[in-house]
C-alpha atoms as a PDB file:
ATOM      1  CA  MET A   1     -83.807  44.267  -2.023  1.00  0.00           C
ATOM      2  CA  ASN A   2     -86.359  46.380  -1.189  1.00  0.00           C
ATOM      3  CA  THR A   3     -87.697  45.169   2.135  1.00  0.00           C
ATOM      4  CA  ARG A   4     -84.057  45.509   3.487  1.00  0.00           C
ATOM      5  CA  ARG A   5     -84.077  49.184   2.923  1.00  0.00           C
ATOM      6  CA  GLN A   6     -87.027  49.815   4.481  1.00  0.00           C
ATOM      7  CA  TRP A   7     -86.659  47.717   7.469  1.00  0.00           C
ATOM      8  CA  SER A   8     -82.808  50.260   7.566  1.00  0.00           C
ATOM      9  CA  ARG A   9     -84.998  53.248   7.577  1.00  0.00           C
ATOM     10  CA  PHE A  10     -87.539  51.734  10.422  1.00  0.00           C
ATOM     11  CA  PHE A  11     -84.364  50.898  13.072  1.00  0.00           C
ATOM     12  CA  SER A  12     -82.499  54.333  12.122  1.00  0.00           C
ATOM     13  CA  VAL A  13     -85.987  55.907  12.486  1.00  0.00           C
ATOM     14  CA  PHE A  14     -86.445  54.321  15.951  1.00  0.00           C
ATOM     15  CA  PHE A  15     -83.262  54.933  17.394  1.00  0.00           C
ATOM     16  CA  PHE A  16     -82.907  58.728  15.903  1.00  0.00           C
ATOM     17  CA  VAL A  17     -86.585  59.070  17.842  1.00  0.00           C
ATOM     18  CA  THR A  18     -85.627  57.353  20.700  1.00  0.00           C
ATOM     19  CA  LEU A  19     -82.081  58.944  22.000  1.00  0.00           C
ATOM     20  CA  VAL A  20     -83.775  62.443  20.874  1.00  0.00           C
ATOM     21  CA  ALA A  21     -86.918  61.690  22.877  1.00  0.00           C
ATOM     22  CA  VAL A  22     -85.582  60.408  26.352  1.00  0.00           C
ATOM     23  CA  ARG A  23     -85.191  62.981  29.028  1.00  0.00           C
ATOM     24  CA  ASP A  24     -83.120  63.336  31.948  1.00  0.00           C
ATOM     25  CA  ALA A  25     -82.156  60.010  33.198  1.00  0.00           C
ATOM     26  CA  HIS A  26     -81.360  59.945  37.090  1.00  0.00           C
ATOM     27  CA  ALA A  27     -78.842  57.219  36.964  1.00  0.00           C
ATOM     28  CA  TYR A  28     -75.971  57.057  39.330  1.00  0.00           C
ATOM     29  CA  LEU A  29     -72.443  56.026  37.998  1.00  0.00           C
ATOM     30  CA  ASP A  30     -70.832  54.386  41.139  1.00  0.00           C
ATOM     31  CA  PRO A  31     -67.038  54.268  41.124  1.00  0.00           C
ATOM     32  CA  GLY A  32     -67.301  50.638  40.407  1.00  0.00           C
ATOM     33  CA  THR A  33     -67.984  51.764  36.758  1.00  0.00           C
ATOM     34  CA  GLY A  34     -65.169  53.918  35.843  1.00  0.00           C
ATOM     35  CA  SER A  35     -62.956  50.772  36.550  1.00  0.00           C
ATOM     36  CA  TYR A  36     -64.996  48.350  34.327  1.00  0.00           C
ATOM     37  CA  ILE A  37     -65.218  50.902  32.034  1.00  0.00           C
ATOM     38  CA  LEU A  38     -61.311  51.277  32.081  1.00  0.00           C
ATOM     39  CA  GLN A  39     -61.087  47.593  32.081  1.00  0.00           C
ATOM     40  CA  LEU A  40     -62.968  47.586  28.919  1.00  0.00           C
ATOM     41  CA  LEU A  41     -60.403  49.795  27.167  1.00  0.00           C
ATOM     42  CA  ILE A  42     -57.814  48.559  28.056  1.00  0.00           C
ATOM     43  CA  GLY A  43     -59.125  44.580  26.824  1.00  0.00           C
ATOM     44  CA  ALA A  44     -59.538  46.681  23.522  1.00  0.00           C
ATOM     45  CA  PHE A  45     -56.416  47.563  23.333  1.00  0.00           C
ATOM     46  CA  LEU A  46     -55.206  43.834  24.304  1.00  0.00           C
ATOM     47  CA  GLY A  47     -57.209  42.680  22.299  1.00  0.00           C
ATOM     48  CA  ALA A  48     -56.599  44.361  19.019  1.00  0.00           C
ATOM     49  CA  MET A  49     -52.469  44.235  19.905  1.00  0.00           C
ATOM     50  CA  TYR A  50     -52.754  40.376  19.549  1.00  0.00           C
ATOM     51  CA  ALA A  51     -55.135  40.728  16.748  1.00  0.00           C
ATOM     52  CA  VAL A  52     -52.361  42.685  15.123  1.00  0.00           C
ATOM     53  CA  LYS A  53     -49.136  40.409  15.934  1.00  0.00           C
ATOM     54  CA  LEU A  54     -51.071  37.436  14.780  1.00  0.00           C
ATOM     55  CA  CYS A  55     -51.657  39.376  11.071  1.00  0.00           C
ATOM     56  CA  TRP A  56     -48.207  41.187  11.498  1.00  0.00           C
ATOM     57  CA  SER A  57     -46.543  39.173   8.452  1.00  0.00           C
ATOM     58  CA  SER A  58     -49.252  39.698   6.137  1.00  0.00           C
ATOM     59  CA  ILE A  59     -49.286  43.427   6.878  1.00  0.00           C
ATOM     60  CA  LYS A  60     -44.941  43.505   6.761  1.00  0.00           C
ATOM     61  CA  MET A  61     -45.740  41.873   3.547  1.00  0.00           C
ATOM     62  CA  PHE A  62     -48.891  43.686   2.392  1.00  0.00           C
ATOM     63  CA  PHE A  63     -47.035  47.389   2.444  1.00  0.00           C
ATOM     64  CA  SER A  64     -43.339  45.752   1.576  1.00  0.00           C
ATOM     65  CA  ARG A  65     -45.267  44.910  -1.378  1.00  0.00           C
ATOM     66  CA  LEU A  66     -47.282  48.420  -1.918  1.00  0.00           C
ATOM     67  CA  PHE A  67     -43.828  50.253  -0.819  1.00  0.00           C
ATOM     68  CA  GLY A  68     -41.153  47.723  -1.628  1.00  0.00           C
ATOM     69  CA  LYS A  69     -38.034  47.947  -4.648  1.00  0.00           C
ATOM     70  CA  LYS A  70     -39.571  47.823  -8.217  1.00  0.00           C
ATOM     71  CA  THR A  71     -37.792  44.896 -10.036  1.00  0.00           C
ATOM     72  CA  SER A  72     -37.380  44.747 -13.923  1.00  0.00           C
ATOM     73  CA  ALA A  73     -39.803  42.930 -15.389  1.00  0.00           C
ATOM     74  CA  ALA A  74     -37.814  41.649 -18.139  1.00  0.00           C
ATOM     75  CA  VAL A  75     -35.252  40.012 -16.152  1.00  0.00           C
ATOM     76  CA  PRO A  76     -35.674  38.664 -12.989  1.00  0.00           C
ATOM     77  CA  PRO A  77     -32.745  39.008  -9.925  1.00  0.00           C
ATOM     78  CA  ALA A  78     -31.383  35.532 -10.124  1.00  0.00           C
ATOM     79  CA  ALA A  79     -31.317  35.765 -14.012  1.00  0.00           C
ATOM     80  CA  GLU A  80     -29.081  38.883 -12.868  1.00  0.00           C
ATOM     81  CA  GLN A  81     -27.132  36.943 -10.702  1.00  0.00           C
ATOM     82  CA  LYS A  82     -26.471  34.727 -12.764  1.00  0.00           C
ATOM     83  CA  SER A  83     -25.008  36.834 -15.895  1.00  0.00           C
ATOM     84  CA  ALA A  84     -23.426  39.370 -13.329  1.00  0.00           C
ATOM     85  CA  ASP A  85     -21.345  35.686 -12.604  1.00  0.00           C
ATOM     86  CA  LYS A  86     -20.694  34.838 -15.803  1.00  0.00           C
ATOM     87  CA  ARG A  87     -19.233  38.480 -16.836  1.00  0.00           C
ATOM     88  CA  GLU A  88     -16.577  38.078 -13.719  1.00  0.00           C
ATOM     89  CA  LYS A  89     -15.806  35.087 -14.633  1.00  0.00           C
ATOM     90  CA  ILE A  90     -14.870  36.501 -18.105  1.00  0.00           C
ATOM     91  CA  SER A  91     -12.782  39.101 -17.084  1.00  0.00           C
ATOM     92  CA  VAL A  92     -11.092  37.344 -15.132  1.00  0.00           C
END
């Protein structure tokens, strides 16, 4: 565990120093770079939407359980319906 923390600290310091020590890059971005970045953003968006589509039933069930209507734990809904049917037969 201690070795893992040391490696983590080493890489954190290394990347920080690398980012701070960089001077001017004098890089050239051609018009194709912009379209490539746009393609990446569109692809990421569509991939996220497809992932949501695949998991939609699980997401919907999670929120319905989280915010759904609470039922009485003592009497299940099926038992309530049966007792209501019996009351109708008696009252008729």
